[in-house]
Amino acid sequence: MKHSKKWLALACAMAVSAPVAAEKGEFGVRVRALYMSVDSATSPNLNVNVEDRWIPEVDLSYWMTDNLALELVLTYPQKHDVALNGASIGSVKHLPPTLLLQYHFMPKATFQPYVGIGLNYTRFSSVNLAGGAITMERDSVGLALQVGADIKISKNMYVNLDAKKVKIDADLFAGGVRAANLKIDPWLVGVGLGWRF
C-alpha cells in the first residue's frame, strides 16, 4: 500500500510538471522578397505577355494545431507592364491576397517543411491597356498551391523558403465585346524571415 501511494504521488508530480499544449496556437508573421514569374497566355492566343517582377510580401499565420496552420498572404497593389506581340500596350495593377491551409510535417524540428492549399482573390485596378481600348474584368478567384520550409535560427525566429503556384485569370474586352481570356498563373518564389509568438 505504501508503495502504491508512492507511485501515485510520483505520477501526480509528473503530470503536474509535464509540459501542457497551449489551448491556443502560435501566431506568426513572415516577410519575404518574392519573385513573380508570370506564366501568361490567352485563349484565343493573342501573344499577350505580363511582366515578371520582384515584389514584397507579408504573411500572417495562426497555428490551429502543431501541424495545421492558416496563412494569409498580403502585399500592396503591384503594377505590371503588358505587351502584345512584343510591343507595350500599357499596364495594370493587381492586389492578390491569398488564404492557405498549411500542413507542417515536423513542427518541432529545426527544418520544418510544409505544404499548403487555398484560394487567391485578385483585384485588378488602374487598367491602362491600348489607351483604354482594351478593358478587363476586375476580379479573379483561383486555386493556390504552396510548398516551403521554415528553418529555425533562434527561439522564435526562422528563415523561410517558399514557392506558390497561383491561378489568376480575367477576360479582356475590346469595344465592350469579350476578346480573350488572359491567364496570368504566376509562380511566386520567395525567401525571407519569420517570427512566432
N, C-alpha and C. Protein backbone atom coordinates (compact mmCIF):
# COMPACT_ATOMS: atom_id res chain seq x y z
N MET A 1 0.82 -1.21 0.00
CA MET A 1 0.00 0.00 0.00
C MET A 1 0.86 1.26 0.00
N LYS A 2 1.93 1.20 0.86
CA LYS A 2 2.84 2.34 0.90
C LYS A 2 3.46 2.58 -0.47
N HIS A 3 3.87 1.47 -1.14
CA HIS A 3 4.48 1.59 -2.46
C HIS A 3 3.47 2.17 -3.46
N SER A 4 2.21 1.73 -3.34
CA SER A 4 1.18 2.23 -4.25
C SER A 4 1.01 3.74 -4.08
N LYS A 5 1.02 4.20 -2.82
CA LYS A 5 0.90 5.63 -2.58
C LYS A 5 2.08 6.40 -3.13
N LYS A 6 3.28 5.83 -3.03
CA LYS A 6 4.47 6.49 -3.57
C LYS A 6 4.38 6.62 -5.09
N TRP A 7 3.96 5.52 -5.75
CA TRP A 7 3.82 5.57 -7.22
C TRP A 7 2.74 6.56 -7.64
N LEU A 8 1.66 6.63 -6.87
CA LEU A 8 0.59 7.57 -7.18
C LEU A 8 1.06 9.01 -7.03
N ALA A 9 1.83 9.26 -5.95
CA ALA A 9 2.36 10.60 -5.73
C ALA A 9 3.34 10.99 -6.84
N LEU A 10 4.18 10.03 -7.28
CA LEU A 10 5.14 10.28 -8.35
C LEU A 10 4.43 10.58 -9.66
N ALA A 11 3.37 9.81 -9.95
CA ALA A 11 2.60 10.01 -11.18
C ALA A 11 1.95 11.39 -11.19
N CYS A 12 1.41 11.80 -10.04
CA CYS A 12 0.78 13.12 -9.95
C CYS A 12 1.81 14.23 -10.15
N ALA A 13 2.99 14.06 -9.57
CA ALA A 13 4.05 15.07 -9.71
C ALA A 13 4.48 15.19 -11.17
N MET A 14 4.59 14.04 -11.85
CA MET A 14 4.99 14.06 -13.27
C MET A 14 3.92 14.72 -14.12
N ALA A 15 2.66 14.46 -13.80
CA ALA A 15 1.57 15.05 -14.58
C ALA A 15 1.55 16.56 -14.43
N VAL A 16 1.82 17.05 -13.22
CA VAL A 16 1.82 18.49 -12.98
C VAL A 16 2.99 19.16 -13.68
N SER A 17 4.15 18.49 -13.66
CA SER A 17 5.34 19.10 -14.23
C SER A 17 5.46 18.92 -15.73
N ALA A 18 4.67 18.02 -16.33
CA ALA A 18 4.78 17.77 -17.77
C ALA A 18 4.30 18.98 -18.55
N PRO A 19 4.95 19.29 -19.69
CA PRO A 19 4.50 20.42 -20.49
C PRO A 19 3.12 20.18 -21.04
N VAL A 20 2.28 21.20 -20.99
CA VAL A 20 0.91 21.09 -21.48
C VAL A 20 0.79 21.91 -22.76
N ALA A 21 0.17 21.32 -23.79
CA ALA A 21 -0.01 22.03 -25.05
C ALA A 21 -0.91 23.25 -24.82
N ALA A 22 -0.54 24.35 -25.46
CA ALA A 22 -1.34 25.56 -25.30
C ALA A 22 -2.73 25.36 -25.90
N GLU A 23 -3.73 25.96 -25.27
CA GLU A 23 -5.08 25.84 -25.80
C GLU A 23 -5.21 26.61 -27.10
N LYS A 24 -4.49 27.71 -27.20
CA LYS A 24 -4.48 28.49 -28.43
C LYS A 24 -3.14 28.29 -29.13
N GLY A 25 -3.16 28.26 -30.47
CA GLY A 25 -1.93 28.03 -31.21
C GLY A 25 -1.05 29.26 -31.29
N GLU A 26 0.10 29.09 -31.88
CA GLU A 26 1.04 30.18 -32.07
C GLU A 26 0.55 31.11 -33.18
N PHE A 27 0.95 32.36 -33.08
CA PHE A 27 0.79 33.31 -34.17
C PHE A 27 2.16 33.54 -34.80
N GLY A 28 2.16 33.92 -36.05
CA GLY A 28 3.43 34.18 -36.71
C GLY A 28 3.30 35.24 -37.78
N VAL A 29 4.42 35.83 -38.13
CA VAL A 29 4.48 36.78 -39.23
C VAL A 29 5.76 36.50 -40.01
N ARG A 30 5.66 36.57 -41.33
CA ARG A 30 6.83 36.41 -42.20
C ARG A 30 6.89 37.60 -43.15
N VAL A 31 8.12 37.99 -43.48
CA VAL A 31 8.34 38.98 -44.54
C VAL A 31 9.24 38.31 -45.57
N ARG A 32 8.89 38.49 -46.85
CA ARG A 32 9.63 37.83 -47.92
C ARG A 32 9.93 38.79 -49.06
N ALA A 33 11.05 38.55 -49.74
CA ALA A 33 11.29 39.09 -51.07
C ALA A 33 10.83 38.01 -52.04
N LEU A 34 9.95 38.37 -52.96
CA LEU A 34 9.26 37.38 -53.77
C LEU A 34 9.46 37.67 -55.24
N TYR A 35 9.86 36.65 -56.00
CA TYR A 35 9.96 36.82 -57.46
C TYR A 35 8.70 36.26 -58.10
N MET A 36 7.99 37.10 -58.83
CA MET A 36 6.75 36.71 -59.50
C MET A 36 7.07 36.40 -60.96
N SER A 37 7.10 35.11 -61.28
CA SER A 37 7.36 34.66 -62.64
C SER A 37 6.02 34.34 -63.30
N VAL A 38 5.60 35.17 -64.22
CA VAL A 38 4.26 35.08 -64.81
C VAL A 38 4.25 34.10 -65.97
N ASP A 39 3.33 33.15 -65.90
CA ASP A 39 3.14 32.17 -66.98
C ASP A 39 1.90 32.59 -67.76
N SER A 40 2.01 33.71 -68.50
CA SER A 40 0.83 34.30 -69.12
C SER A 40 0.49 33.63 -70.46
N ALA A 41 -0.80 33.58 -70.73
CA ALA A 41 -1.31 33.04 -72.00
C ALA A 41 -2.72 33.56 -72.19
N THR A 42 -3.19 33.59 -73.43
CA THR A 42 -4.56 33.99 -73.71
C THR A 42 -5.27 32.92 -74.52
N SER A 43 -6.57 32.89 -74.39
CA SER A 43 -7.41 31.99 -75.18
C SER A 43 -8.55 32.81 -75.79
N PRO A 44 -8.57 32.99 -77.13
CA PRO A 44 -7.58 32.52 -78.11
C PRO A 44 -6.24 33.22 -77.96
N ASN A 45 -5.20 32.67 -78.56
CA ASN A 45 -3.84 33.16 -78.39
C ASN A 45 -3.65 34.51 -79.08
N LEU A 46 -3.39 35.55 -78.28
CA LEU A 46 -3.12 36.89 -78.79
C LEU A 46 -1.69 37.32 -78.53
N ASN A 47 -0.86 36.42 -78.01
CA ASN A 47 0.54 36.71 -77.70
C ASN A 47 0.68 37.91 -76.76
N VAL A 48 -0.12 37.87 -75.69
CA VAL A 48 -0.06 38.90 -74.65
C VAL A 48 0.88 38.42 -73.55
N ASN A 49 1.79 39.27 -73.12
CA ASN A 49 2.74 38.92 -72.05
C ASN A 49 2.66 39.94 -70.93
N VAL A 50 2.66 39.40 -69.68
CA VAL A 50 2.65 40.23 -68.48
C VAL A 50 4.02 40.16 -67.84
N GLU A 51 4.54 41.29 -67.42
CA GLU A 51 5.90 41.43 -66.91
C GLU A 51 6.15 40.61 -65.64
N ASP A 52 7.30 39.93 -65.58
CA ASP A 52 7.80 39.34 -64.33
C ASP A 52 8.38 40.45 -63.46
N ARG A 53 8.37 40.23 -62.13
CA ARG A 53 8.97 41.25 -61.28
C ARG A 53 9.16 40.74 -59.86
N TRP A 54 10.02 41.46 -59.10
CA TRP A 54 10.18 41.23 -57.67
C TRP A 54 9.14 42.04 -56.92
N ILE A 55 8.55 41.45 -55.88
CA ILE A 55 7.58 42.16 -55.06
C ILE A 55 7.83 41.83 -53.59
N PRO A 56 7.43 42.70 -52.66
CA PRO A 56 7.49 42.38 -51.23
C PRO A 56 6.24 41.61 -50.82
N GLU A 57 6.38 40.80 -49.80
CA GLU A 57 5.23 40.02 -49.32
C GLU A 57 5.29 39.91 -47.81
N VAL A 58 4.13 39.99 -47.18
CA VAL A 58 3.99 39.78 -45.74
C VAL A 58 2.90 38.75 -45.53
N ASP A 59 3.10 37.81 -44.60
CA ASP A 59 2.02 36.89 -44.28
C ASP A 59 1.81 36.82 -42.78
N LEU A 60 0.56 36.57 -42.41
CA LEU A 60 0.16 36.39 -41.02
C LEU A 60 -0.33 34.96 -40.87
N SER A 61 0.15 34.26 -39.85
CA SER A 61 -0.17 32.84 -39.68
C SER A 61 -0.74 32.57 -38.29
N TYR A 62 -1.58 31.56 -38.24
CA TYR A 62 -2.12 31.08 -36.97
C TYR A 62 -2.09 29.56 -36.98
N TRP A 63 -1.40 28.98 -35.98
CA TRP A 63 -1.31 27.53 -35.87
C TRP A 63 -2.52 27.01 -35.07
N MET A 64 -3.41 26.29 -35.76
CA MET A 64 -4.58 25.72 -35.09
C MET A 64 -4.20 24.50 -34.27
N THR A 65 -3.21 23.72 -34.78
CA THR A 65 -2.62 22.60 -34.07
C THR A 65 -1.12 22.67 -34.33
N ASP A 66 -0.36 21.69 -33.82
CA ASP A 66 1.07 21.67 -34.11
C ASP A 66 1.34 21.55 -35.60
N ASN A 67 0.45 20.87 -36.34
CA ASN A 67 0.68 20.59 -37.75
C ASN A 67 -0.10 21.46 -38.71
N LEU A 68 -1.27 21.97 -38.29
CA LEU A 68 -2.14 22.72 -39.20
C LEU A 68 -2.08 24.21 -38.89
N ALA A 69 -1.90 25.00 -39.95
CA ALA A 69 -1.86 26.45 -39.79
C ALA A 69 -2.63 27.12 -40.92
N LEU A 70 -3.16 28.30 -40.62
CA LEU A 70 -3.76 29.16 -41.62
C LEU A 70 -2.79 30.29 -41.92
N GLU A 71 -2.61 30.60 -43.21
CA GLU A 71 -1.71 31.68 -43.60
C GLU A 71 -2.44 32.65 -44.52
N LEU A 72 -2.40 33.93 -44.18
CA LEU A 72 -2.94 34.99 -45.03
C LEU A 72 -1.78 35.75 -45.63
N VAL A 73 -1.67 35.72 -46.96
CA VAL A 73 -0.56 36.34 -47.68
C VAL A 73 -1.01 37.70 -48.21
N LEU A 74 -0.20 38.73 -47.92
CA LEU A 74 -0.57 40.10 -48.28
C LEU A 74 0.58 40.81 -48.97
N THR A 75 0.23 41.79 -49.80
CA THR A 75 1.19 42.73 -50.36
C THR A 75 0.41 44.00 -50.67
N TYR A 76 1.03 44.97 -51.33
CA TYR A 76 0.28 46.15 -51.77
C TYR A 76 0.07 46.05 -53.29
N PRO A 77 -0.81 46.85 -53.91
CA PRO A 77 -1.07 46.71 -55.35
C PRO A 77 0.21 46.79 -56.17
N GLN A 78 0.36 45.80 -57.06
CA GLN A 78 1.56 45.70 -57.88
C GLN A 78 1.27 46.08 -59.33
N LYS A 79 2.15 46.88 -59.91
CA LYS A 79 1.98 47.32 -61.30
C LYS A 79 2.79 46.44 -62.23
N HIS A 80 2.16 45.98 -63.31
CA HIS A 80 2.82 45.14 -64.30
C HIS A 80 2.65 45.75 -65.69
N ASP A 81 3.75 45.82 -66.44
CA ASP A 81 3.66 46.21 -67.85
C ASP A 81 3.11 45.04 -68.65
N VAL A 82 2.32 45.35 -69.68
CA VAL A 82 1.70 44.34 -70.54
C VAL A 82 2.11 44.60 -71.98
N ALA A 83 2.47 43.53 -72.69
CA ALA A 83 2.91 43.65 -74.08
C ALA A 83 2.06 42.77 -74.98
N LEU A 84 1.85 43.23 -76.22
CA LEU A 84 1.14 42.46 -77.24
C LEU A 84 2.08 42.33 -78.43
N ASN A 85 2.40 41.07 -78.76
CA ASN A 85 3.35 40.79 -79.85
C ASN A 85 4.68 41.51 -79.63
N GLY A 86 5.10 41.61 -78.38
CA GLY A 86 6.38 42.20 -78.03
C GLY A 86 6.37 43.71 -77.87
N ALA A 87 5.26 44.36 -78.17
CA ALA A 87 5.17 45.82 -78.06
C ALA A 87 4.29 46.18 -76.87
N SER A 88 4.73 47.17 -76.10
CA SER A 88 3.99 47.58 -74.91
C SER A 88 2.61 48.12 -75.28
N ILE A 89 1.58 47.68 -74.55
CA ILE A 89 0.23 48.22 -74.74
C ILE A 89 -0.29 48.86 -73.46
N GLY A 90 0.57 48.98 -72.46
CA GLY A 90 0.15 49.64 -71.24
C GLY A 90 0.50 48.87 -69.99
N SER A 91 -0.31 49.03 -68.95
CA SER A 91 -0.02 48.41 -67.66
C SER A 91 -1.31 48.16 -66.90
N VAL A 92 -1.18 47.37 -65.85
CA VAL A 92 -2.30 47.07 -64.97
C VAL A 92 -1.76 46.85 -63.56
N LYS A 93 -2.55 47.22 -62.57
CA LYS A 93 -2.20 46.93 -61.18
C LYS A 93 -3.11 45.83 -60.66
N HIS A 94 -2.57 45.02 -59.74
CA HIS A 94 -3.39 43.99 -59.13
C HIS A 94 -3.01 43.83 -57.66
N LEU A 95 -4.02 43.49 -56.84
CA LEU A 95 -3.83 43.20 -55.42
C LEU A 95 -4.27 41.76 -55.19
N PRO A 96 -3.34 40.86 -54.81
CA PRO A 96 -3.65 39.42 -54.80
C PRO A 96 -3.58 38.73 -53.43
N PRO A 97 -4.41 39.12 -52.43
CA PRO A 97 -4.36 38.39 -51.16
C PRO A 97 -4.71 36.91 -51.34
N THR A 98 -4.05 36.06 -50.55
CA THR A 98 -4.24 34.60 -50.67
C THR A 98 -4.38 34.00 -49.27
N LEU A 99 -5.35 33.11 -49.10
CA LEU A 99 -5.55 32.41 -47.84
C LEU A 99 -5.26 30.93 -48.05
N LEU A 100 -4.36 30.37 -47.23
CA LEU A 100 -3.90 29.00 -47.38
C LEU A 100 -4.05 28.20 -46.09
N LEU A 101 -4.39 26.93 -46.24
CA LEU A 101 -4.34 25.97 -45.14
C LEU A 101 -3.08 25.16 -45.32
N GLN A 102 -2.20 25.18 -44.31
CA GLN A 102 -0.90 24.51 -44.41
C GLN A 102 -0.84 23.28 -43.51
N TYR A 103 -0.06 22.30 -43.98
CA TYR A 103 0.29 21.15 -43.13
C TYR A 103 1.79 21.19 -42.91
N HIS A 104 2.22 21.28 -41.66
CA HIS A 104 3.64 21.31 -41.28
C HIS A 104 4.04 19.91 -40.83
N PHE A 105 5.05 19.34 -41.51
CA PHE A 105 5.40 17.93 -41.29
C PHE A 105 6.17 17.70 -40.00
N MET A 106 7.11 18.58 -39.67
CA MET A 106 7.95 18.38 -38.48
C MET A 106 7.98 19.68 -37.68
N PRO A 107 6.88 20.01 -37.00
CA PRO A 107 6.75 21.33 -36.38
C PRO A 107 7.74 21.61 -35.25
N LYS A 108 8.37 20.59 -34.69
CA LYS A 108 9.30 20.81 -33.58
C LYS A 108 10.77 20.71 -34.01
N ALA A 109 11.00 20.41 -35.29
CA ALA A 109 12.37 20.23 -35.77
C ALA A 109 12.99 21.58 -36.15
N THR A 110 14.30 21.57 -36.38
CA THR A 110 14.96 22.79 -36.86
C THR A 110 14.53 23.10 -38.29
N PHE A 111 14.45 22.06 -39.12
CA PHE A 111 13.99 22.20 -40.51
C PHE A 111 12.53 21.75 -40.57
N GLN A 112 11.64 22.66 -40.91
CA GLN A 112 10.21 22.40 -40.82
C GLN A 112 9.52 22.59 -42.18
N PRO A 113 9.46 21.54 -42.99
CA PRO A 113 8.80 21.66 -44.30
C PRO A 113 7.28 21.70 -44.17
N TYR A 114 6.64 22.30 -45.16
CA TYR A 114 5.18 22.37 -45.16
C TYR A 114 4.64 22.41 -46.59
N VAL A 115 3.37 22.07 -46.72
CA VAL A 115 2.64 22.23 -47.98
C VAL A 115 1.36 22.99 -47.67
N GLY A 116 0.80 23.64 -48.68
CA GLY A 116 -0.42 24.40 -48.45
C GLY A 116 -1.33 24.39 -49.66
N ILE A 117 -2.60 24.59 -49.41
CA ILE A 117 -3.60 24.72 -50.47
C ILE A 117 -4.60 25.77 -50.03
N GLY A 118 -5.08 26.57 -50.99
CA GLY A 118 -6.02 27.61 -50.61
C GLY A 118 -6.58 28.34 -51.80
N LEU A 119 -7.07 29.56 -51.55
CA LEU A 119 -7.70 30.38 -52.57
C LEU A 119 -7.01 31.74 -52.67
N ASN A 120 -6.88 32.19 -53.91
CA ASN A 120 -6.38 33.52 -54.19
C ASN A 120 -7.53 34.39 -54.70
N TYR A 121 -7.60 35.61 -54.19
CA TYR A 121 -8.52 36.61 -54.73
C TYR A 121 -7.69 37.76 -55.26
N THR A 122 -7.85 38.07 -56.53
CA THR A 122 -7.09 39.16 -57.13
C THR A 122 -8.04 40.26 -57.58
N ARG A 123 -7.70 41.48 -57.21
CA ARG A 123 -8.47 42.66 -57.62
C ARG A 123 -7.61 43.49 -58.56
N PHE A 124 -8.06 43.67 -59.79
CA PHE A 124 -7.34 44.46 -60.77
C PHE A 124 -7.79 45.92 -60.70
N SER A 125 -6.81 46.83 -60.83
CA SER A 125 -7.12 48.26 -60.80
C SER A 125 -6.16 48.99 -61.73
N SER A 126 -6.42 50.27 -61.93
CA SER A 126 -5.56 51.11 -62.79
C SER A 126 -5.23 50.41 -64.10
N VAL A 127 -6.27 49.88 -64.74
CA VAL A 127 -6.08 49.21 -66.03
C VAL A 127 -5.90 50.26 -67.12
N ASN A 128 -4.75 50.23 -67.78
CA ASN A 128 -4.46 51.18 -68.85
C ASN A 128 -3.87 50.39 -70.02
N LEU A 129 -4.75 49.85 -70.85
CA LEU A 129 -4.33 48.99 -71.96
C LEU A 129 -4.81 49.59 -73.28
N ALA A 130 -3.88 49.79 -74.19
CA ALA A 130 -4.17 50.33 -75.53
C ALA A 130 -4.98 51.61 -75.44
N GLY A 131 -4.55 52.48 -74.52
CA GLY A 131 -5.21 53.78 -74.40
C GLY A 131 -6.67 53.68 -73.99
N GLY A 132 -7.03 52.61 -73.30
CA GLY A 132 -8.41 52.44 -72.86
C GLY A 132 -9.26 51.64 -73.83
N ALA A 133 -8.69 51.26 -74.99
CA ALA A 133 -9.45 50.48 -75.97
C ALA A 133 -9.67 49.04 -75.50
N ILE A 134 -8.79 48.56 -74.60
CA ILE A 134 -8.94 47.22 -74.04
C ILE A 134 -9.22 47.35 -72.55
N THR A 135 -10.27 46.72 -72.09
CA THR A 135 -10.59 46.69 -70.67
C THR A 135 -10.53 45.25 -70.19
N MET A 136 -10.65 45.05 -68.88
CA MET A 136 -10.59 43.69 -68.35
C MET A 136 -11.46 43.56 -67.11
N GLU A 137 -11.78 42.31 -66.79
CA GLU A 137 -12.52 42.04 -65.56
C GLU A 137 -11.75 42.56 -64.36
N ARG A 138 -12.48 42.89 -63.32
CA ARG A 138 -11.85 43.48 -62.14
C ARG A 138 -11.47 42.45 -61.09
N ASP A 139 -12.03 41.24 -61.14
CA ASP A 139 -11.82 40.26 -60.08
C ASP A 139 -11.43 38.90 -60.64
N SER A 140 -10.67 38.15 -59.84
CA SER A 140 -10.33 36.77 -60.18
C SER A 140 -10.23 35.98 -58.88
N VAL A 141 -10.80 34.76 -58.89
CA VAL A 141 -10.68 33.84 -57.77
C VAL A 141 -10.12 32.53 -58.31
N GLY A 142 -9.05 32.02 -57.68
CA GLY A 142 -8.44 30.80 -58.20
C GLY A 142 -7.70 30.01 -57.13
N LEU A 143 -7.33 28.80 -57.49
CA LEU A 143 -6.62 27.88 -56.61
C LEU A 143 -5.18 28.35 -56.38
N ALA A 144 -4.69 28.12 -55.16
CA ALA A 144 -3.29 28.40 -54.83
C ALA A 144 -2.68 27.16 -54.18
N LEU A 145 -1.51 26.74 -54.65
CA LEU A 145 -0.77 25.61 -54.09
C LEU A 145 0.57 26.11 -53.59
N GLN A 146 1.08 25.49 -52.53
CA GLN A 146 2.27 26.01 -51.85
C GLN A 146 3.16 24.89 -51.34
N VAL A 147 4.46 25.12 -51.37
CA VAL A 147 5.43 24.25 -50.71
C VAL A 147 6.53 25.14 -50.15
N GLY A 148 7.02 24.79 -48.96
CA GLY A 148 8.04 25.64 -48.37
C GLY A 148 8.64 25.02 -47.12
N ALA A 149 9.46 25.80 -46.45
CA ALA A 149 10.10 25.32 -45.22
C ALA A 149 10.51 26.50 -44.36
N ASP A 150 10.35 26.33 -43.04
CA ASP A 150 10.91 27.24 -42.05
C ASP A 150 12.15 26.59 -41.46
N ILE A 151 13.22 27.36 -41.33
CA ILE A 151 14.47 26.87 -40.75
C ILE A 151 14.74 27.69 -39.49
N LYS A 152 14.68 27.04 -38.35
CA LYS A 152 14.79 27.73 -37.07
C LYS A 152 16.21 28.21 -36.83
N ILE A 153 16.37 29.50 -36.51
CA ILE A 153 17.69 30.05 -36.24
C ILE A 153 17.81 30.60 -34.82
N SER A 154 16.68 30.76 -34.13
CA SER A 154 16.67 31.12 -32.71
C SER A 154 15.34 30.68 -32.14
N LYS A 155 15.07 31.01 -30.89
CA LYS A 155 13.87 30.51 -30.23
C LYS A 155 12.60 30.84 -31.00
N ASN A 156 12.49 32.05 -31.52
CA ASN A 156 11.26 32.49 -32.19
C ASN A 156 11.48 32.98 -33.62
N MET A 157 12.68 32.81 -34.17
CA MET A 157 13.00 33.38 -35.48
C MET A 157 13.36 32.28 -36.47
N TYR A 158 12.92 32.46 -37.71
CA TYR A 158 13.09 31.44 -38.74
C TYR A 158 13.51 32.08 -40.07
N VAL A 159 14.31 31.36 -40.83
CA VAL A 159 14.50 31.66 -42.25
C VAL A 159 13.40 30.91 -42.99
N ASN A 160 12.78 31.56 -43.95
CA ASN A 160 11.68 30.95 -44.68
C ASN A 160 11.99 30.85 -46.17
N LEU A 161 11.74 29.68 -46.74
CA LEU A 161 11.81 29.44 -48.18
C LEU A 161 10.42 29.02 -48.63
N ASP A 162 9.93 29.60 -49.73
CA ASP A 162 8.53 29.38 -50.08
C ASP A 162 8.33 29.48 -51.58
N ALA A 163 7.45 28.62 -52.11
CA ALA A 163 7.06 28.68 -53.52
C ALA A 163 5.56 28.43 -53.63
N LYS A 164 4.89 29.25 -54.43
CA LYS A 164 3.45 29.10 -54.64
C LYS A 164 3.14 29.14 -56.14
N LYS A 165 2.14 28.37 -56.54
CA LYS A 165 1.57 28.45 -57.88
C LYS A 165 0.15 28.93 -57.72
N VAL A 166 -0.19 30.04 -58.38
CA VAL A 166 -1.48 30.68 -58.17
C VAL A 166 -2.20 30.82 -59.51
N LYS A 167 -3.49 30.49 -59.51
CA LYS A 167 -4.31 30.62 -60.72
C LYS A 167 -4.99 31.99 -60.71
N ILE A 168 -4.63 32.82 -61.71
CA ILE A 168 -5.22 34.14 -61.86
C ILE A 168 -5.62 34.30 -63.33
N ASP A 169 -6.86 34.68 -63.58
CA ASP A 169 -7.26 34.94 -64.96
C ASP A 169 -8.36 35.99 -64.99
N ALA A 170 -8.49 36.64 -66.15
CA ALA A 170 -9.52 37.67 -66.33
C ALA A 170 -9.84 37.79 -67.81
N ASP A 171 -11.09 38.09 -68.11
CA ASP A 171 -11.48 38.31 -69.51
C ASP A 171 -11.06 39.70 -69.96
N LEU A 172 -10.62 39.78 -71.22
CA LEU A 172 -10.28 41.05 -71.85
C LEU A 172 -11.41 41.44 -72.81
N PHE A 173 -11.71 42.73 -72.87
CA PHE A 173 -12.79 43.22 -73.71
C PHE A 173 -12.28 44.32 -74.63
N ALA A 174 -12.71 44.30 -75.88
CA ALA A 174 -12.40 45.35 -76.86
C ALA A 174 -13.73 45.88 -77.39
N GLY A 175 -13.97 47.17 -77.18
CA GLY A 175 -15.23 47.75 -77.61
C GLY A 175 -16.43 47.15 -76.91
N GLY A 176 -16.23 46.68 -75.67
CA GLY A 176 -17.30 46.09 -74.90
C GLY A 176 -17.59 44.64 -75.23
N VAL A 177 -16.85 44.07 -76.17
CA VAL A 177 -17.03 42.67 -76.58
C VAL A 177 -15.86 41.84 -76.06
N ARG A 178 -16.17 40.67 -75.47
CA ARG A 178 -15.10 39.80 -74.95
C ARG A 178 -14.18 39.38 -76.09
N ALA A 179 -12.87 39.68 -75.92
CA ALA A 179 -11.89 39.35 -76.95
C ALA A 179 -11.07 38.12 -76.60
N ALA A 180 -10.79 37.91 -75.31
CA ALA A 180 -9.95 36.78 -74.90
C ALA A 180 -9.99 36.62 -73.40
N ASN A 181 -9.53 35.47 -72.94
CA ASN A 181 -9.31 35.24 -71.51
C ASN A 181 -7.81 35.24 -71.26
N LEU A 182 -7.37 36.12 -70.37
CA LEU A 182 -5.95 36.23 -70.05
C LEU A 182 -5.65 35.43 -68.79
N LYS A 183 -4.76 34.46 -68.92
CA LYS A 183 -4.30 33.68 -67.77
C LYS A 183 -2.93 34.19 -67.36
N ILE A 184 -2.79 34.56 -66.09
CA ILE A 184 -1.52 35.06 -65.58
C ILE A 184 -0.76 33.95 -64.86
N ASP A 185 -1.43 33.19 -63.99
CA ASP A 185 -0.94 31.96 -63.36
C ASP A 185 0.53 32.02 -62.94
N PRO A 186 0.90 32.92 -62.03
CA PRO A 186 2.33 33.08 -61.69
C PRO A 186 2.87 32.00 -60.76
N TRP A 187 4.18 31.78 -60.87
CA TRP A 187 4.96 31.14 -59.82
C TRP A 187 5.47 32.25 -58.92
N LEU A 188 5.32 32.07 -57.61
CA LEU A 188 5.78 33.04 -56.63
C LEU A 188 6.83 32.37 -55.76
N VAL A 189 8.08 32.73 -55.95
CA VAL A 189 9.20 32.09 -55.25
C VAL A 189 9.85 33.12 -54.35
N GLY A 190 9.91 32.81 -53.04
CA GLY A 190 10.39 33.82 -52.12
C GLY A 190 11.33 33.30 -51.06
N VAL A 191 12.04 34.23 -50.43
CA VAL A 191 12.89 33.94 -49.29
C VAL A 191 12.71 35.07 -48.30
N GLY A 192 12.72 34.74 -47.00
CA GLY A 192 12.52 35.80 -46.02
C GLY A 192 12.76 35.33 -44.61
N LEU A 193 12.25 36.11 -43.66
CA LEU A 193 12.38 35.81 -42.24
C LEU A 193 11.00 35.73 -41.61
N GLY A 194 10.88 34.88 -40.57
CA GLY A 194 9.63 34.74 -39.87
C GLY A 194 9.83 34.76 -38.37
N TRP A 195 8.78 35.19 -37.66
CA TRP A 195 8.80 35.23 -36.20
C TRP A 195 7.52 34.60 -35.68
N ARG A 196 7.60 33.87 -34.57
CA ARG A 196 6.42 33.27 -33.95
C ARG A 196 6.32 33.74 -32.50
N PHE A 197 5.08 33.85 -32.03
CA PHE A 197 4.86 34.32 -30.67
C PHE A 197 3.51 33.80 -30.16
